[in-house]
Amino acid sequence: MPCDYNPELQARLSMERDKAERDRLVAQAKKAKAEAIKKLEGYLNTGKVNVGKTAQGEIGFIGWNKADRLGFCDACAVNALKLKGSIAFISALARARTVSAVELAGGKH
């Protein structure tokens, strides 16, 4: 996934000599991303975040702030939610009605 490349994390990993520390940092990053997706699902359930189109015409999340994203772009979050089979995402997508199946399948990054 393109958003797995986090320059700050990569810099720390390249400077670390200890494999155990690297493994800990990678596990910490994976856990943080899983929590970000879980939080996004909660926002979709409550209606705090909605599915719509970005200014560039791509699928996006309206109301999802930068602090909660943890480095995820909209396309990567869509892919993560699709892979997870998120009911909250499917419901929000059905409510949106502005996103076509072609746009969803495209998943531009």
PDB file of N, CA and C in Angstrom:
ATOM      1  N   MET A   1       0.857  -1.176   0.000  1.00  0.00           N
ATOM      2  CA  MET A   1       0.000   0.000   0.000  1.00  0.00           C
ATOM      3  C   MET A   1       0.899   1.234   0.000  1.00  0.00           C
ATOM      4  N   PRO A   2       0.636   2.179  -0.869  1.00  0.00           N
ATOM      5  CA  PRO A   2       1.499   3.360  -0.965  1.00  0.00           C
ATOM      6  C   PRO A   2       1.642   4.132   0.338  1.00  0.00           C
ATOM      7  N   CYS A   3       0.596   4.176   1.154  1.00  0.00           N
ATOM      8  CA  CYS A   3       0.691   4.937   2.392  1.00  0.00           C
ATOM      9  C   CYS A   3       1.533   4.237   3.456  1.00  0.00           C
ATOM     10  N   ASP A   4       1.971   2.997   3.163  1.00  0.00           N
ATOM     11  CA  ASP A   4       2.867   2.332   4.099  1.00  0.00           C
ATOM     12  C   ASP A   4       4.229   3.018   4.120  1.00  0.00           C
ATOM     13  N   TYR A   5       4.502   3.829   3.097  1.00  0.00           N
ATOM     14  CA  TYR A   5       5.752   4.564   3.086  1.00  0.00           C
ATOM     15  C   TYR A   5       5.546   5.865   3.847  1.00  0.00           C
ATOM     16  N   ASN A   6       6.050   5.885   5.041  1.00  0.00           N
ATOM     17  CA  ASN A   6       5.987   7.064   5.895  1.00  0.00           C
ATOM     18  C   ASN A   6       7.429   7.533   6.061  1.00  0.00           C
ATOM     19  N   PRO A   7       7.813   8.688   5.516  1.00  0.00           N
ATOM     20  CA  PRO A   7       9.209   9.119   5.548  1.00  0.00           C
ATOM     21  C   PRO A   7       9.800   9.161   6.953  1.00  0.00           C
ATOM     22  N   GLU A   8       8.997   9.595   7.915  1.00  0.00           N
ATOM     23  CA  GLU A   8       9.505   9.673   9.286  1.00  0.00           C
ATOM     24  C   GLU A   8       9.827   8.279   9.821  1.00  0.00           C
ATOM     25  N   LEU A   9       8.927   7.343   9.604  1.00  0.00           N
ATOM     26  CA  LEU A   9       9.146   5.974  10.061  1.00  0.00           C
ATOM     27  C   LEU A   9      10.324   5.354   9.331  1.00  0.00           C
ATOM     28  N   GLN A  10      10.410   5.572   8.023  1.00  0.00           N
ATOM     29  CA  GLN A  10      11.506   5.008   7.247  1.00  0.00           C
ATOM     30  C   GLN A  10      12.861   5.554   7.712  1.00  0.00           C
ATOM     31  N   ALA A  11      12.901   6.836   8.056  1.00  0.00           N
ATOM     32  CA  ALA A  11      14.150   7.419   8.546  1.00  0.00           C
ATOM     33  C   ALA A  11      14.571   6.781   9.866  1.00  0.00           C
ATOM     34  N   ARG A  12      13.591   6.595  10.755  1.00  0.00           N
ATOM     35  CA  ARG A  12      13.903   5.952  12.041  1.00  0.00           C
ATOM     36  C   ARG A  12      14.348   4.517  11.837  1.00  0.00           C
ATOM     37  N   LEU A  13      13.691   3.805  10.926  1.00  0.00           N
ATOM     38  CA  LEU A  13      14.045   2.413  10.686  1.00  0.00           C
ATOM     39  C   LEU A  13      15.444   2.279  10.101  1.00  0.00           C
ATOM     40  N   SER A  14      15.799   3.196   9.196  1.00  0.00           N
ATOM     41  CA  SER A  14      17.118   3.110   8.578  1.00  0.00           C
ATOM     42  C   SER A  14      18.222   3.466   9.563  1.00  0.00           C
ATOM     43  N   MET A  15      17.923   4.297  10.558  1.00  0.00           N
ATOM     44  CA  MET A  15      18.934   4.678  11.535  1.00  0.00           C
ATOM     45  C   MET A  15      19.074   3.646  12.648  1.00  0.00           C
ATOM     46  N   GLU A  16      18.045   2.854  12.866  1.00  0.00           N
ATOM     47  CA  GLU A  16      18.076   1.870  13.942  1.00  0.00           C
ATOM     48  C   GLU A  16      18.950   0.692  13.541  1.00  0.00           C
ATOM     49  N   ARG A  17      19.807   0.282  14.441  1.00  0.00           N
ATOM     50  CA  ARG A  17      20.649  -0.886  14.189  1.00  0.00           C
ATOM     51  C   ARG A  17      20.034  -2.142  14.814  1.00  0.00           C
ATOM     52  N   ASP A  18      19.222  -1.956  15.807  1.00  0.00           N
ATOM     53  CA  ASP A  18      18.662  -3.064  16.552  1.00  0.00           C
ATOM     54  C   ASP A  18      17.413  -3.604  15.866  1.00  0.00           C
ATOM     55  N   LYS A  19      17.442  -4.858  15.442  1.00  0.00           N
ATOM     56  CA  LYS A  19      16.314  -5.463  14.742  1.00  0.00           C
ATOM     57  C   LYS A  19      15.065  -5.481  15.609  1.00  0.00           C
ATOM     58  N   ALA A  20      15.217  -5.735  16.875  1.00  0.00           N
ATOM     59  CA  ALA A  20      14.062  -5.767  17.779  1.00  0.00           C
ATOM     60  C   ALA A  20      13.377  -4.400  17.827  1.00  0.00           C
ATOM     61  N   GLU A  21      14.157  -3.337  17.816  1.00  0.00           N
ATOM     62  CA  GLU A  21      13.593  -1.987  17.833  1.00  0.00           C
ATOM     63  C   GLU A  21      12.865  -1.696  16.523  1.00  0.00           C
ATOM     64  N   ARG A  22      13.459  -2.133  15.402  1.00  0.00           N
ATOM     65  CA  ARG A  22      12.802  -1.970  14.107  1.00  0.00           C
ATOM     66  C   ARG A  22      11.470  -2.703  14.081  1.00  0.00           C
ATOM     67  N   ASP A  23      11.484  -3.937  14.560  1.00  0.00           N
ATOM     68  CA  ASP A  23      10.259  -4.736  14.583  1.00  0.00           C
ATOM     69  C   ASP A  23       9.196  -4.082  15.464  1.00  0.00           C
ATOM     70  N   ARG A  24       9.614  -3.502  16.562  1.00  0.00           N
ATOM     71  CA  ARG A  24       8.684  -2.826  17.467  1.00  0.00           C
ATOM     72  C   ARG A  24       8.063  -1.611  16.783  1.00  0.00           C
ATOM     73  N   LEU A  25       8.892  -0.841  16.068  1.00  0.00           N
ATOM     74  CA  LEU A  25       8.387   0.342  15.365  1.00  0.00           C
ATOM     75  C   LEU A  25       7.422  -0.034  14.238  1.00  0.00           C
ATOM     76  N   VAL A  26       7.716  -1.099  13.514  1.00  0.00           N
ATOM     77  CA  VAL A  26       6.836  -1.544  12.435  1.00  0.00           C
ATOM     78  C   VAL A  26       5.505  -2.022  13.013  1.00  0.00           C
ATOM     79  N   ALA A  27       5.570  -2.800  14.088  1.00  0.00           N
ATOM     80  CA  ALA A  27       4.339  -3.282  14.735  1.00  0.00           C
ATOM     81  C   ALA A  27       3.517  -2.117  15.262  1.00  0.00           C
ATOM     82  N   GLN A  28       4.186  -1.119  15.809  1.00  0.00           N
ATOM     83  CA  GLN A  28       3.506   0.073  16.324  1.00  0.00           C
ATOM     84  C   GLN A  28       2.806   0.823  15.188  1.00  0.00           C
ATOM     85  N   ALA A  29       3.458   0.942  14.036  1.00  0.00           N
ATOM     86  CA  ALA A  29       2.861   1.627  12.890  1.00  0.00           C
ATOM     87  C   ALA A  29       1.652   0.856  12.360  1.00  0.00           C
ATOM     88  N   LYS A  30       1.741  -0.473  12.289  1.00  0.00           N
ATOM     89  CA  LYS A  30       0.618  -1.287  11.815  1.00  0.00           C
ATOM     90  C   LYS A  30      -0.571  -1.171  12.764  1.00  0.00           C
ATOM     91  N   LYS A  31      -0.293  -1.161  14.052  1.00  0.00           N
ATOM     92  CA  LYS A  31      -1.364  -1.042  15.042  1.00  0.00           C
ATOM     93  C   LYS A  31      -2.038   0.327  14.933  1.00  0.00           C
ATOM     94  N   ALA A  32      -1.244   1.369  14.734  1.00  0.00           N
ATOM     95  CA  ALA A  32      -1.795   2.723  14.612  1.00  0.00           C
ATOM     96  C   ALA A  32      -2.686   2.824  13.374  1.00  0.00           C
ATOM     97  N   LYS A  33      -2.273   2.212  12.258  1.00  0.00           N
ATOM     98  CA  LYS A  33      -3.087   2.261  11.044  1.00  0.00           C
ATOM     99  C   LYS A  33      -4.383   1.475  11.216  1.00  0.00           C
ATOM    100  N   ALA A  34      -4.317   0.335  11.901  1.00  0.00           N
ATOM    101  CA  ALA A  34      -5.538  -0.443  12.157  1.00  0.00           C
ATOM    102  C   ALA A  34      -6.507   0.363  13.020  1.00  0.00           C
ATOM    103  N   GLU A  35      -5.970   1.082  14.002  1.00  0.00           N
ATOM    104  CA  GLU A  35      -6.813   1.928  14.848  1.00  0.00           C
ATOM    105  C   GLU A  35      -7.410   3.087  14.061  1.00  0.00           C
ATOM    106  N   ALA A  36      -6.647   3.645  13.122  1.00  0.00           N
ATOM    107  CA  ALA A  36      -7.154   4.743  12.299  1.00  0.00           C
ATOM    108  C   ALA A  36      -8.326   4.270  11.438  1.00  0.00           C
ATOM    109  N   ILE A  37      -8.223   3.071  10.876  1.00  0.00           N
ATOM    110  CA  ILE A  37      -9.310   2.524  10.058  1.00  0.00           C
ATOM    111  C   ILE A  37     -10.515   2.220  10.929  1.00  0.00           C
ATOM    112  N   LYS A  38     -10.284   1.694  12.116  1.00  0.00           N
ATOM    113  CA  LYS A  38     -11.389   1.400  13.033  1.00  0.00           C
ATOM    114  C   LYS A  38     -12.112   2.691  13.429  1.00  0.00           C
ATOM    115  N   LYS A  39     -11.350   3.737  13.685  1.00  0.00           N
ATOM    116  CA  LYS A  39     -11.940   5.029  14.040  1.00  0.00           C
ATOM    117  C   LYS A  39     -12.723   5.604  12.868  1.00  0.00           C
ATOM    118  N   LEU A  40     -12.184   5.462  11.645  1.00  0.00           N
ATOM    119  CA  LEU A  40     -12.889   5.929  10.457  1.00  0.00           C
ATOM    120  C   LEU A  40     -14.222   5.187  10.302  1.00  0.00           C
ATOM    121  N   GLU A  41     -14.216   3.888  10.545  1.00  0.00           N
ATOM    122  CA  GLU A  41     -15.461   3.121  10.471  1.00  0.00           C
ATOM    123  C   GLU A  41     -16.487   3.647  11.473  1.00  0.00           C
ATOM    124  N   GLY A  42     -16.031   3.979  12.673  1.00  0.00           N
ATOM    125  CA  GLY A  42     -16.926   4.542  13.670  1.00  0.00           C
ATOM    126  C   GLY A  42     -17.501   5.877  13.223  1.00  0.00           C
ATOM    127  N   TYR A  43     -16.662   6.708  12.619  1.00  0.00           N
ATOM    128  CA  TYR A  43     -17.123   8.002  12.112  1.00  0.00           C
ATOM    129  C   TYR A  43     -18.136   7.815  10.986  1.00  0.00           C
ATOM    130  N   LEU A  44     -17.914   6.809  10.134  1.00  0.00           N
ATOM    131  CA  LEU A  44     -18.858   6.539   9.054  1.00  0.00           C
ATOM    132  C   LEU A  44     -20.200   6.069   9.619  1.00  0.00           C
ATOM    133  N   ASN A  45     -20.158   5.256  10.673  1.00  0.00           N
ATOM    134  CA  ASN A  45     -21.388   4.773  11.308  1.00  0.00           C
ATOM    135  C   ASN A  45     -22.203   5.909  11.911  1.00  0.00           C
ATOM    136  N   THR A  46     -21.519   6.847  12.549  1.00  0.00           N
ATOM    137  CA  THR A  46     -22.226   7.936  13.222  1.00  0.00           C
ATOM    138  C   THR A  46     -22.575   9.090  12.287  1.00  0.00           C
ATOM    139  N   GLY A  47     -21.996   9.107  11.104  1.00  0.00           N
ATOM    140  CA  GLY A  47     -22.267  10.180  10.154  1.00  0.00           C
ATOM    141  C   GLY A  47     -21.343  11.369  10.305  1.00  0.00           C
ATOM    142  N   LYS A  48     -20.350  11.261  11.182  1.00  0.00           N
ATOM    143  CA  LYS A  48     -19.384  12.354  11.351  1.00  0.00           C
ATOM    144  C   LYS A  48     -18.545  12.530  10.078  1.00  0.00           C
ATOM    145  N   VAL A  49     -18.272  11.422   9.389  1.00  0.00           N
ATOM    146  CA  VAL A  49     -17.536  11.435   8.126  1.00  0.00           C
ATOM    147  C   VAL A  49     -18.449  10.838   7.065  1.00  0.00           C
ATOM    148  N   ASN A  50     -18.432  11.431   5.884  1.00  0.00           N
ATOM    149  CA  ASN A  50     -19.242  10.948   4.770  1.00  0.00           C
ATOM    150  C   ASN A  50     -18.355  10.633   3.581  1.00  0.00           C
ATOM    151  N   VAL A  51     -18.860   9.775   2.712  1.00  0.00           N
ATOM    152  CA  VAL A  51     -18.164   9.443   1.473  1.00  0.00           C
ATOM    153  C   VAL A  51     -18.633  10.419   0.409  1.00  0.00           C
ATOM    154  N   GLY A  52     -17.692  10.921  -0.381  1.00  0.00           N
ATOM    155  CA  GLY A  52     -18.026  11.846  -1.458  1.00  0.00           C
ATOM    156  C   GLY A  52     -16.888  11.921  -2.443  1.00  0.00           C
ATOM    157  N   LYS A  53     -16.896  12.969  -3.231  1.00  0.00           N
ATOM    158  CA  LYS A  53     -15.835  13.176  -4.217  1.00  0.00           C
ATOM    159  C   LYS A  53     -14.919  14.295  -3.754  1.00  0.00           C
ATOM    160  N   THR A  54     -13.634  14.121  -4.006  1.00  0.00           N
ATOM    161  CA  THR A  54     -12.662  15.157  -3.692  1.00  0.00           C
ATOM    162  C   THR A  54     -12.704  16.221  -4.772  1.00  0.00           C
ATOM    163  N   ALA A  55     -11.922  17.263  -4.601  1.00  0.00           N
ATOM    164  CA  ALA A  55     -11.857  18.339  -5.596  1.00  0.00           C
ATOM    165  C   ALA A  55     -11.360  17.821  -6.944  1.00  0.00           C
ATOM    166  N   GLN A  56     -10.570  16.732  -6.909  1.00  0.00           N
ATOM    167  CA  GLN A  56     -10.053  16.153  -8.151  1.00  0.00           C
ATOM    168  C   GLN A  56     -11.031  15.157  -8.772  1.00  0.00           C
ATOM    169  N   GLY A  57     -12.194  14.950  -8.132  1.00  0.00           N
ATOM    170  CA  GLY A  57     -13.201  14.043  -8.664  1.00  0.00           C
ATOM    171  C   GLY A  57     -13.029  12.598  -8.246  1.00  0.00           C
ATOM    172  N   GLU A  58     -12.144  12.337  -7.304  1.00  0.00           N
ATOM    173  CA  GLU A  58     -11.908  10.976  -6.840  1.00  0.00           C
ATOM    174  C   GLU A  58     -12.710  10.724  -5.565  1.00  0.00           C
ATOM    175  N   ILE A  59     -12.888   9.448  -5.228  1.00  0.00           N
ATOM    176  CA  ILE A  59     -13.612   9.105  -4.012  1.00  0.00           C
ATOM    177  C   ILE A  59     -12.815   9.597  -2.803  1.00  0.00           C
ATOM    178  N   GLY A  60     -13.521  10.120  -1.829  1.00  0.00           N
ATOM    179  CA  GLY A  60     -12.847  10.641  -0.651  1.00  0.00           C
ATOM    180  C   GLY A  60     -13.758  10.645   0.557  1.00  0.00           C
ATOM    181  N   PHE A  61     -13.192  11.025   1.691  1.00  0.00           N
ATOM    182  CA  PHE A  61     -13.926  11.071   2.945  1.00  0.00           C
ATOM    183  C   PHE A  61     -14.053  12.522   3.389  1.00  0.00           C
ATOM    184  N   ILE A  62     -15.278  12.999   3.425  1.00  0.00           N
ATOM    185  CA  ILE A  62     -15.555  14.381   3.803  1.00  0.00           C
ATOM    186  C   ILE A  62     -15.723  14.434   5.311  1.00  0.00           C
ATOM    187  N   GLY A  63     -14.882  15.227   5.960  1.00  0.00           N
ATOM    188  CA  GLY A  63     -14.951  15.377   7.401  1.00  0.00           C
ATOM    189  C   GLY A  63     -13.904  14.576   8.162  1.00  0.00           C
ATOM    190  N   TRP A  64     -13.065  13.836   7.441  1.00  0.00           N
ATOM    191  CA  TRP A  64     -12.012  13.043   8.095  1.00  0.00           C
ATOM    192  C   TRP A  64     -10.788  13.929   8.222  1.00  0.00           C
ATOM    193  N   ASN A  65     -10.466  14.346   9.456  1.00  0.00           N
ATOM    194  CA  ASN A  65      -9.396  15.321   9.639  1.00  0.00           C
ATOM    195  C   ASN A  65      -8.011  14.691   9.600  1.00  0.00           C
ATOM    196  N   LYS A  66      -7.023  15.509   9.423  1.00  0.00           N
ATOM    197  CA  LYS A  66      -5.643  15.065   9.243  1.00  0.00           C
ATOM    198  C   LYS A  66      -5.108  14.327  10.472  1.00  0.00           C
ATOM    199  N   ALA A  67      -5.506  14.752  11.656  1.00  0.00           N
ATOM    200  CA  ALA A  67      -5.013  14.111  12.874  1.00  0.00           C
ATOM    201  C   ALA A  67      -5.466  12.659  12.980  1.00  0.00           C
ATOM    202  N   ASP A  68      -6.659  12.365  12.486  1.00  0.00           N
ATOM    203  CA  ASP A  68      -7.176  10.995  12.553  1.00  0.00           C
ATOM    204  C   ASP A  68      -6.681  10.115  11.408  1.00  0.00           C
ATOM    205  N   ARG A  69      -6.155  10.716  10.369  1.00  0.00           N
ATOM    206  CA  ARG A  69      -5.717   9.957   9.196  1.00  0.00           C
ATOM    207  C   ARG A  69      -4.466   9.122   9.447  1.00  0.00           C
ATOM    208  N   LEU A  70      -3.545   9.610  10.233  1.00  0.00           N
ATOM    209  CA  LEU A  70      -2.272   8.929  10.508  1.00  0.00           C
ATOM    210  C   LEU A  70      -1.540   8.530   9.225  1.00  0.00           C
ATOM    211  N   GLY A  71      -1.546   9.408   8.244  1.00  0.00           N
ATOM    212  CA  GLY A  71      -0.800   9.158   7.016  1.00  0.00           C
ATOM    213  C   GLY A  71      -1.589   8.482   5.911  1.00  0.00           C
ATOM    214  N   PHE A  72      -2.819   8.077   6.168  1.00  0.00           N
ATOM    215  CA  PHE A  72      -3.638   7.445   5.129  1.00  0.00           C
ATOM    216  C   PHE A  72      -4.147   8.495   4.156  1.00  0.00           C
ATOM    217  N   CYS A  73      -4.047   8.207   2.872  1.00  0.00           N
ATOM    218  CA  CYS A  73      -4.743   9.021   1.880  1.00  0.00           C
ATOM    219  C   CYS A  73      -6.125   8.386   1.696  1.00  0.00           C
ATOM    220  N   ASP A  74      -7.018   9.081   1.039  1.00  0.00           N
ATOM    221  CA  ASP A  74      -8.373   8.564   0.855  1.00  0.00           C
ATOM    222  C   ASP A  74      -8.383   7.240   0.094  1.00  0.00           C
ATOM    223  N   ALA A  75      -7.594   7.143  -0.962  1.00  0.00           N
ATOM    224  CA  ALA A  75      -7.588   5.922  -1.782  1.00  0.00           C
ATOM    225  C   ALA A  75      -7.122   4.711  -0.981  1.00  0.00           C
ATOM    226  N   CYS A  76      -6.111   4.884  -0.154  1.00  0.00           N
ATOM    227  CA  CYS A  76      -5.622   3.764   0.651  1.00  0.00           C
ATOM    228  C   CYS A  76      -6.631   3.366   1.727  1.00  0.00           C
ATOM    229  N   ALA A  77      -7.326   4.343   2.281  1.00  0.00           N
ATOM    230  CA  ALA A  77      -8.359   4.036   3.267  1.00  0.00           C
ATOM    231  C   ALA A  77      -9.516   3.293   2.607  1.00  0.00           C
ATOM    232  N   VAL A  78      -9.889   3.703   1.400  1.00  0.00           N
ATOM    233  CA  VAL A  78     -10.943   3.003   0.657  1.00  0.00           C
ATOM    234  C   VAL A  78     -10.528   1.555   0.424  1.00  0.00           C
ATOM    235  N   ASN A  79      -9.290   1.345  -0.021  1.00  0.00           N
ATOM    236  CA  ASN A  79      -8.812  -0.018  -0.267  1.00  0.00           C
ATOM    237  C   ASN A  79      -8.804  -0.849   1.009  1.00  0.00           C
ATOM    238  N   ALA A  80      -8.373  -0.268   2.117  1.00  0.00           N
ATOM    239  CA  ALA A  80      -8.350  -0.992   3.385  1.00  0.00           C
ATOM    240  C   ALA A  80      -9.758  -1.367   3.822  1.00  0.00           C
ATOM    241  N   LEU A  81     -10.706  -0.447   3.658  1.00  0.00           N
ATOM    242  CA  LEU A  81     -12.095  -0.724   4.037  1.00  0.00           C
ATOM    243  C   LEU A  81     -12.727  -1.757   3.111  1.00  0.00           C
ATOM    244  N   LYS A  82     -12.389  -1.715   1.810  1.00  0.00           N
ATOM    245  CA  LYS A  82     -12.910  -2.713   0.877  1.00  0.00           C
ATOM    246  C   LYS A  82     -12.374  -4.103   1.227  1.00  0.00           C
ATOM    247  N   LEU A  83     -11.078  -4.188   1.516  1.00  0.00           N
ATOM    248  CA  LEU A  83     -10.487  -5.477   1.869  1.00  0.00           C
ATOM    249  C   LEU A  83     -11.074  -6.029   3.160  1.00  0.00           C
ATOM    250  N   LYS A  84     -11.375  -5.144   4.074  1.00  0.00           N
ATOM    251  CA  LYS A  84     -11.949  -5.548   5.354  1.00  0.00           C
ATOM    252  C   LYS A  84     -13.415  -5.950   5.212  1.00  0.00           C
ATOM    253  N   GLY A  85     -14.061  -5.501   4.158  1.00  0.00           N
ATOM    254  CA  GLY A  85     -15.483  -5.768   3.965  1.00  0.00           C
ATOM    255  C   GLY A  85     -16.332  -4.968   4.937  1.00  0.00           C
ATOM    256  N   SER A  86     -15.956  -3.726   5.144  1.00  0.00           N
ATOM    257  CA  SER A  86     -16.593  -2.859   6.124  1.00  0.00           C
ATOM    258  C   SER A  86     -18.040  -2.534   5.761  1.00  0.00           C
ATOM    259  N   ILE A  87     -18.954  -2.930   6.645  1.00  0.00           N
ATOM    260  CA  ILE A  87     -20.368  -2.623   6.462  1.00  0.00           C
ATOM    261  C   ILE A  87     -20.593  -1.109   6.564  1.00  0.00           C
ATOM    262  N   ALA A  88     -19.871  -0.451   7.464  1.00  0.00           N
ATOM    263  CA  ALA A  88     -20.007   1.000   7.619  1.00  0.00           C
ATOM    264  C   ALA A  88     -19.645   1.716   6.324  1.00  0.00           C
ATOM    265  N   PHE A  89     -18.586   1.262   5.658  1.00  0.00           N
ATOM    266  CA  PHE A  89     -18.164   1.872   4.396  1.00  0.00           C
ATOM    267  C   PHE A  89     -19.197   1.612   3.299  1.00  0.00           C
ATOM    268  N   ILE A  90     -19.676   0.378   3.210  1.00  0.00           N
ATOM    269  CA  ILE A  90     -20.660   0.028   2.190  1.00  0.00           C
ATOM    270  C   ILE A  90     -21.931   0.860   2.381  1.00  0.00           C
ATOM    271  N   SER A  91     -22.350   1.028   3.627  1.00  0.00           N
ATOM    272  CA  SER A  91     -23.544   1.831   3.917  1.00  0.00           C
ATOM    273  C   SER A  91     -23.326   3.297   3.553  1.00  0.00           C
ATOM    274  N   ALA A  92     -22.163   3.837   3.920  1.00  0.00           N
ATOM    275  CA  ALA A  92     -21.856   5.239   3.609  1.00  0.00           C
ATOM    276  C   ALA A  92     -21.773   5.443   2.102  1.00  0.00           C
ATOM    277  N   LEU A  93     -21.247   4.461   1.402  1.00  0.00           N
ATOM    278  CA  LEU A  93     -21.144   4.533  -0.051  1.00  0.00           C
ATOM    279  C   LEU A  93     -22.531   4.530  -0.689  1.00  0.00           C
ATOM    280  N   ALA A  94     -23.417   3.717  -0.146  1.00  0.00           N
ATOM    281  CA  ALA A  94     -24.790   3.672  -0.661  1.00  0.00           C
ATOM    282  C   ALA A  94     -25.509   4.993  -0.414  1.00  0.00           C
ATOM    283  N   ARG A  95     -25.235   5.616   0.738  1.00  0.00           N
ATOM    284  CA  ARG A  95     -25.858   6.906   1.038  1.00  0.00           C
ATOM    285  C   ARG A  95     -25.306   8.009   0.147  1.00  0.00           C
ATOM    286  N   ALA A  96     -24.057   7.899  -0.259  1.00  0.00           N
ATOM    287  CA  ALA A  96     -23.398   8.962  -1.027  1.00  0.00           C
ATOM    288  C   ALA A  96     -24.034   9.153  -2.406  1.00  0.00           C
ATOM    289  N   ARG A  97     -24.237   8.084  -3.122  1.00  0.00           N
ATOM    290  CA  ARG A  97     -24.849   8.107  -4.453  1.00  0.00           C
ATOM    291  C   ARG A  97     -24.096   8.970  -5.462  1.00  0.00           C
ATOM    292  N   THR A  98     -22.987   9.530  -5.093  1.00  0.00           N
ATOM    293  CA  THR A  98     -22.228  10.368  -6.030  1.00  0.00           C
ATOM    294  C   THR A  98     -20.997   9.643  -6.544  1.00  0.00           C
ATOM    295  N   VAL A  99     -20.764   8.443  -6.051  1.00  0.00           N
ATOM    296  CA  VAL A  99     -19.569   7.700  -6.422  1.00  0.00           C
ATOM    297  C   VAL A  99     -19.995   6.488  -7.229  1.00  0.00           C
ATOM    298  N   SER A 100     -19.471   6.375  -8.436  1.00  0.00           N
ATOM    299  CA  SER A 100     -19.841   5.249  -9.290  1.00  0.00           C
ATOM    300  C   SER A 100     -18.955   4.045  -9.005  1.00  0.00           C
ATOM    301  N   ALA A 101     -19.390   2.885  -9.455  1.00  0.00           N
ATOM    302  CA  ALA A 101     -18.613   1.658  -9.283  1.00  0.00           C
ATOM    303  C   ALA A 101     -17.288   1.750 -10.031  1.00  0.00           C
ATOM    304  N   VAL A 102     -17.269   2.450 -11.139  1.00  0.00           N
ATOM    305  CA  VAL A 102     -16.039   2.612 -11.913  1.00  0.00           C
ATOM    306  C   VAL A 102     -15.018   3.407 -11.108  1.00  0.00           C
ATOM    307  N   GLU A 103     -15.449   4.488 -10.461  1.00  0.00           N
ATOM    308  CA  GLU A 103     -14.550   5.292  -9.640  1.00  0.00           C
ATOM    309  C   GLU A 103     -14.031   4.483  -8.463  1.00  0.00           C
ATOM    310  N   LEU A 104     -14.898   3.689  -7.845  1.00  0.00           N
ATOM    311  CA  LEU A 104     -14.490   2.876  -6.706  1.00  0.00           C
ATOM    312  C   LEU A 104     -13.467   1.844  -7.128  1.00  0.00           C
ATOM    313  N   ALA A 105     -13.673   1.216  -8.257  1.00  0.00           N
ATOM    314  CA  ALA A 105     -12.731   0.191  -8.746  1.00  0.00           C
ATOM    315  C   ALA A 105     -11.410   0.807  -9.148  1.00  0.00           C
ATOM    316  N   GLY A 106     -11.439   2.052  -9.632  1.00  0.00           N
ATOM    317  CA  GLY A 106     -10.207   2.711 -10.082  1.00  0.00           C
ATOM    318  C   GLY A 106      -9.234   2.964  -8.966  1.00  0.00           C
ATOM    319  N   GLY A 107      -9.680   3.478  -7.848  1.00  0.00           N
ATOM    320  CA  GLY A 107      -8.844   3.708  -6.673  1.00  0.00           C
ATOM    321  C   GLY A 107      -7.565   4.452  -6.955  1.00  0.00           C
ATOM    322  N   LYS A 108      -7.640   5.563  -7.678  1.00  0.00           N
ATOM    323  CA  LYS A 108      -6.432   6.339  -7.970  1.00  0.00           C
ATOM    324  C   LYS A 108      -5.767   6.772  -6.689  1.00  0.00           C
ATOM    325  N   HIS A 109      -4.450   6.819  -6.716  1.00  0.00           N
ATOM    326  CA  HIS A 109      -3.669   7.239  -5.546  1.00  0.00           C
ATOM    327  C   HIS A 109      -3.070   8.588  -5.804  1.00  0.00           C
TER     328      HIS A 109
END
